[in-house]
């Protein structure tokens, strides 16, 4: 008798879809997580993505404005020293 039961799936089929591009080039047809635009598999799950205030890019500081300016100044001093040596 389980075949006689009609399921109410209207809300599921009318919910917004994820729309992320899948590996085969089509769009994902899974329902988006409530309040998000992606499904749970494409970034809509809780606590996904990089942490707030990501500090991973600041591990060594070699490309900060001060470090680049210092290297430029050092290179100018070296260039002047090489010019002076060439004149001698």
N, C-alpha and C. Protein backbone atom coordinates (compact mmCIF):
# COMPACT_ATOMS: atom_id res chain seq x y z
N UNK A 1 0.81 -1.21 0.00
CA UNK A 1 0.00 0.00 0.00
C UNK A 1 0.85 1.26 0.00
N UNK A 2 2.18 1.15 0.11
CA UNK A 2 3.02 2.34 0.15
C UNK A 2 3.00 3.08 -1.17
N UNK A 3 2.64 2.46 -2.27
CA UNK A 3 2.59 3.11 -3.57
C UNK A 3 1.44 4.11 -3.68
N UNK A 4 0.44 4.01 -2.80
CA UNK A 4 -0.71 4.91 -2.85
C UNK A 4 -0.44 6.25 -2.20
N UNK A 5 0.63 6.34 -1.41
CA UNK A 5 0.94 7.57 -0.70
C UNK A 5 1.52 8.61 -1.66
N UNK A 6 0.98 9.79 -1.68
CA UNK A 6 1.47 10.87 -2.52
C UNK A 6 2.32 11.79 -1.66
N UNK A 7 3.57 11.96 -2.03
CA UNK A 7 4.45 12.82 -1.26
C UNK A 7 4.29 14.26 -1.69
N UNK A 8 4.39 15.15 -0.72
CA UNK A 8 4.31 16.57 -1.00
C UNK A 8 5.74 17.09 -1.21
N UNK A 9 6.19 17.15 -2.45
CA UNK A 9 7.56 17.58 -2.76
C UNK A 9 7.58 18.94 -3.44
N UNK A 10 6.47 19.63 -3.44
CA UNK A 10 6.39 20.92 -4.12
C UNK A 10 7.39 21.94 -3.56
N UNK A 11 7.54 22.03 -2.24
CA UNK A 11 8.46 22.99 -1.65
C UNK A 11 9.90 22.67 -2.05
N UNK A 12 10.23 21.39 -2.11
CA UNK A 12 11.59 21.01 -2.48
C UNK A 12 11.88 21.40 -3.93
N UNK A 13 10.95 21.20 -4.82
CA UNK A 13 11.19 21.48 -6.24
C UNK A 13 11.11 22.97 -6.57
N UNK A 14 10.45 23.76 -5.73
CA UNK A 14 10.37 25.19 -5.99
C UNK A 14 11.44 25.99 -5.26
N UNK A 15 12.26 25.31 -4.43
CA UNK A 15 13.32 26.01 -3.72
C UNK A 15 14.41 26.43 -4.70
N UNK A 16 15.16 27.49 -4.37
CA UNK A 16 16.23 27.95 -5.27
C UNK A 16 17.31 26.88 -5.43
N UNK A 17 17.87 26.81 -6.61
CA UNK A 17 18.90 25.81 -6.92
C UNK A 17 20.29 26.40 -6.75
N UNK A 18 21.27 25.55 -6.58
CA UNK A 18 22.64 25.95 -6.33
C UNK A 18 23.21 26.71 -7.54
N UNK A 19 23.26 26.10 -8.69
CA UNK A 19 23.74 26.78 -9.89
C UNK A 19 25.24 26.77 -10.07
N UNK A 20 26.01 26.13 -9.17
CA UNK A 20 27.46 26.05 -9.33
C UNK A 20 27.76 25.18 -10.55
N UNK A 21 28.87 25.45 -11.22
CA UNK A 21 29.24 24.65 -12.39
C UNK A 21 29.88 23.35 -11.92
N UNK A 22 29.38 22.25 -12.46
CA UNK A 22 29.90 20.94 -12.09
C UNK A 22 31.06 20.57 -13.00
N UNK A 23 31.69 19.44 -12.73
CA UNK A 23 32.85 19.01 -13.50
C UNK A 23 32.53 18.77 -14.97
N UNK A 24 31.31 18.34 -15.24
CA UNK A 24 30.97 18.08 -16.64
C UNK A 24 30.40 19.31 -17.34
N UNK A 25 30.44 20.47 -16.70
CA UNK A 25 30.05 21.72 -17.34
C UNK A 25 28.60 22.12 -17.16
N UNK A 26 27.78 21.27 -16.58
CA UNK A 26 26.39 21.62 -16.35
C UNK A 26 26.28 22.34 -15.00
N UNK A 27 25.10 22.83 -14.69
CA UNK A 27 24.92 23.49 -13.41
C UNK A 27 24.39 22.51 -12.38
N UNK A 28 24.76 22.73 -11.14
CA UNK A 28 24.31 21.88 -10.04
C UNK A 28 22.81 22.09 -9.83
N UNK A 29 22.09 21.01 -9.68
CA UNK A 29 20.64 21.11 -9.52
C UNK A 29 20.20 20.86 -8.09
N UNK A 30 21.16 20.74 -7.17
CA UNK A 30 20.80 20.51 -5.77
C UNK A 30 20.21 21.79 -5.17
N UNK A 31 19.31 21.66 -4.22
CA UNK A 31 18.74 22.86 -3.60
C UNK A 31 19.78 23.62 -2.78
N UNK A 32 19.72 24.93 -2.84
CA UNK A 32 20.64 25.77 -2.08
C UNK A 32 20.31 25.68 -0.60
N UNK A 33 21.32 25.84 0.23
CA UNK A 33 21.13 25.84 1.68
C UNK A 33 20.29 27.07 2.03
N UNK A 34 19.44 26.95 3.03
CA UNK A 34 18.56 28.04 3.43
C UNK A 34 19.38 29.29 3.78
N UNK A 35 19.10 30.38 3.09
CA UNK A 35 19.80 31.64 3.34
C UNK A 35 21.09 31.79 2.56
N UNK A 36 21.45 30.82 1.74
CA UNK A 36 22.68 30.87 0.94
C UNK A 36 22.33 30.69 -0.53
N UNK A 37 23.32 30.87 -1.39
CA UNK A 37 23.07 30.70 -2.82
C UNK A 37 23.67 29.41 -3.36
N UNK A 38 24.40 28.65 -2.52
CA UNK A 38 25.02 27.40 -2.94
C UNK A 38 24.52 26.25 -2.09
N UNK A 39 24.64 25.04 -2.63
CA UNK A 39 24.24 23.85 -1.89
C UNK A 39 25.33 23.49 -0.88
N UNK A 40 25.09 22.48 -0.09
CA UNK A 40 26.04 22.10 0.96
C UNK A 40 27.35 21.58 0.38
N UNK A 41 27.32 21.09 -0.85
CA UNK A 41 28.53 20.54 -1.46
C UNK A 41 29.37 21.61 -2.17
N UNK A 42 28.78 22.76 -2.43
CA UNK A 42 29.49 23.81 -3.17
C UNK A 42 29.69 25.08 -2.34
N UNK A 43 29.82 24.94 -1.05
CA UNK A 43 30.17 26.08 -0.22
C UNK A 43 29.06 26.67 0.61
N UNK A 44 27.89 26.07 0.61
CA UNK A 44 26.80 26.63 1.40
C UNK A 44 26.78 26.11 2.83
N UNK A 45 27.60 25.11 3.12
CA UNK A 45 27.62 24.53 4.46
C UNK A 45 28.22 25.52 5.45
N UNK A 46 27.92 25.33 6.71
CA UNK A 46 28.45 26.21 7.76
C UNK A 46 29.96 26.05 7.87
N UNK A 47 30.61 27.13 8.23
CA UNK A 47 32.04 27.17 8.49
C UNK A 47 32.87 26.73 7.29
N UNK A 48 32.45 27.06 6.08
CA UNK A 48 33.24 26.76 4.90
C UNK A 48 33.97 28.00 4.45
N UNK A 49 35.08 27.82 3.77
CA UNK A 49 35.84 28.95 3.25
C UNK A 49 36.96 29.35 4.21
N UNK A 50 37.65 30.37 3.83
CA UNK A 50 38.79 30.84 4.62
C UNK A 50 38.29 31.50 5.91
N UNK A 51 39.08 31.45 6.96
CA UNK A 51 38.68 32.09 8.20
C UNK A 51 38.65 33.61 8.06
N UNK A 52 37.86 34.26 8.87
CA UNK A 52 37.79 35.71 8.84
C UNK A 52 39.13 36.30 9.27
N UNK A 53 39.58 37.32 8.56
CA UNK A 53 40.86 37.94 8.90
C UNK A 53 42.02 37.00 8.64
N UNK A 54 42.02 36.34 7.51
CA UNK A 54 43.05 35.34 7.19
C UNK A 54 44.45 35.96 7.26
N UNK A 55 45.30 35.37 8.07
CA UNK A 55 46.66 35.87 8.25
C UNK A 55 47.69 35.01 7.51
N UNK A 56 47.26 34.06 6.72
CA UNK A 56 48.19 33.15 6.05
C UNK A 56 49.13 33.88 5.10
N UNK A 57 48.72 34.98 4.54
CA UNK A 57 49.54 35.71 3.58
C UNK A 57 50.63 36.51 4.28
N UNK A 58 50.62 36.58 5.59
CA UNK A 58 51.57 37.41 6.32
C UNK A 58 52.54 36.57 7.13
N UNK A 59 53.00 35.45 6.57
CA UNK A 59 53.85 34.56 7.35
C UNK A 59 55.27 35.06 7.44
N UNK A 60 55.80 35.72 6.42
CA UNK A 60 57.20 36.12 6.46
C UNK A 60 57.43 37.61 6.25
N UNK A 61 56.51 38.32 5.63
CA UNK A 61 56.63 39.76 5.47
C UNK A 61 57.61 40.22 4.41
N UNK A 62 58.01 39.33 3.50
CA UNK A 62 59.01 39.69 2.48
C UNK A 62 58.47 40.67 1.45
N UNK A 63 57.16 40.77 1.33
CA UNK A 63 56.59 41.63 0.30
C UNK A 63 55.79 42.78 0.88
N UNK A 64 56.06 43.14 2.12
CA UNK A 64 55.42 44.32 2.68
C UNK A 64 56.03 45.57 2.05
N UNK A 65 55.35 46.67 2.16
CA UNK A 65 55.81 47.91 1.55
C UNK A 65 57.20 48.31 2.08
N UNK A 66 57.40 48.15 3.39
CA UNK A 66 58.68 48.51 4.00
C UNK A 66 59.82 47.62 3.50
N UNK A 67 59.56 46.31 3.39
CA UNK A 67 60.61 45.39 2.95
C UNK A 67 61.00 45.66 1.50
N UNK A 68 60.03 45.94 0.65
CA UNK A 68 60.33 46.23 -0.75
C UNK A 68 61.13 47.53 -0.86
N UNK A 69 60.75 48.55 -0.09
CA UNK A 69 61.48 49.83 -0.11
C UNK A 69 62.91 49.64 0.38
N UNK A 70 63.10 48.82 1.39
CA UNK A 70 64.45 48.58 1.90
C UNK A 70 65.32 47.87 0.86
N UNK A 71 64.75 46.89 0.17
CA UNK A 71 65.51 46.21 -0.88
C UNK A 71 65.85 47.14 -2.03
N UNK A 72 64.94 48.03 -2.39
CA UNK A 72 65.20 49.00 -3.45
C UNK A 72 66.34 49.93 -3.06
N UNK A 73 66.32 50.38 -1.82
CA UNK A 73 67.38 51.26 -1.32
C UNK A 73 68.72 50.52 -1.28
N UNK A 74 68.73 49.28 -0.83
CA UNK A 74 69.96 48.48 -0.80
C UNK A 74 70.52 48.30 -2.21
N UNK A 75 69.64 48.05 -3.17
CA UNK A 75 70.09 47.87 -4.56
C UNK A 75 70.70 49.15 -5.11
N UNK A 76 70.13 50.31 -4.75
CA UNK A 76 70.69 51.59 -5.20
C UNK A 76 72.08 51.81 -4.62
N UNK A 77 72.28 51.46 -3.35
CA UNK A 77 73.61 51.59 -2.72
C UNK A 77 74.60 50.66 -3.41
N UNK A 78 74.20 49.44 -3.70
CA UNK A 78 75.08 48.50 -4.39
C UNK A 78 75.44 48.98 -5.80
N UNK A 79 74.45 49.55 -6.51
CA UNK A 79 74.72 50.08 -7.85
C UNK A 79 75.74 51.22 -7.79
N UNK A 80 75.59 52.10 -6.80
CA UNK A 80 76.56 53.20 -6.64
C UNK A 80 77.95 52.66 -6.33
N UNK A 81 78.03 51.63 -5.49
CA UNK A 81 79.32 51.04 -5.14
C UNK A 81 79.97 50.39 -6.36
N UNK A 82 79.20 49.72 -7.18
CA UNK A 82 79.74 49.10 -8.39
C UNK A 82 80.22 50.14 -9.39
N UNK A 83 79.50 51.25 -9.49
CA UNK A 83 79.93 52.35 -10.37
C UNK A 83 81.25 52.94 -9.88
N UNK A 84 81.38 53.13 -8.58
CA UNK A 84 82.60 53.66 -8.01
C UNK A 84 83.79 52.71 -8.24
N UNK A 85 83.55 51.42 -8.08
CA UNK A 85 84.61 50.42 -8.34
C UNK A 85 85.02 50.40 -9.82
N UNK A 86 84.06 50.59 -10.69
CA UNK A 86 84.36 50.60 -12.13
C UNK A 86 85.21 51.81 -12.50
N UNK A 87 85.02 52.93 -11.82
CA UNK A 87 85.80 54.15 -12.10
C UNK A 87 87.23 54.01 -11.61
N UNK A 88 87.44 53.22 -10.58
CA UNK A 88 88.80 53.06 -10.03
C UNK A 88 89.53 52.15 -10.94
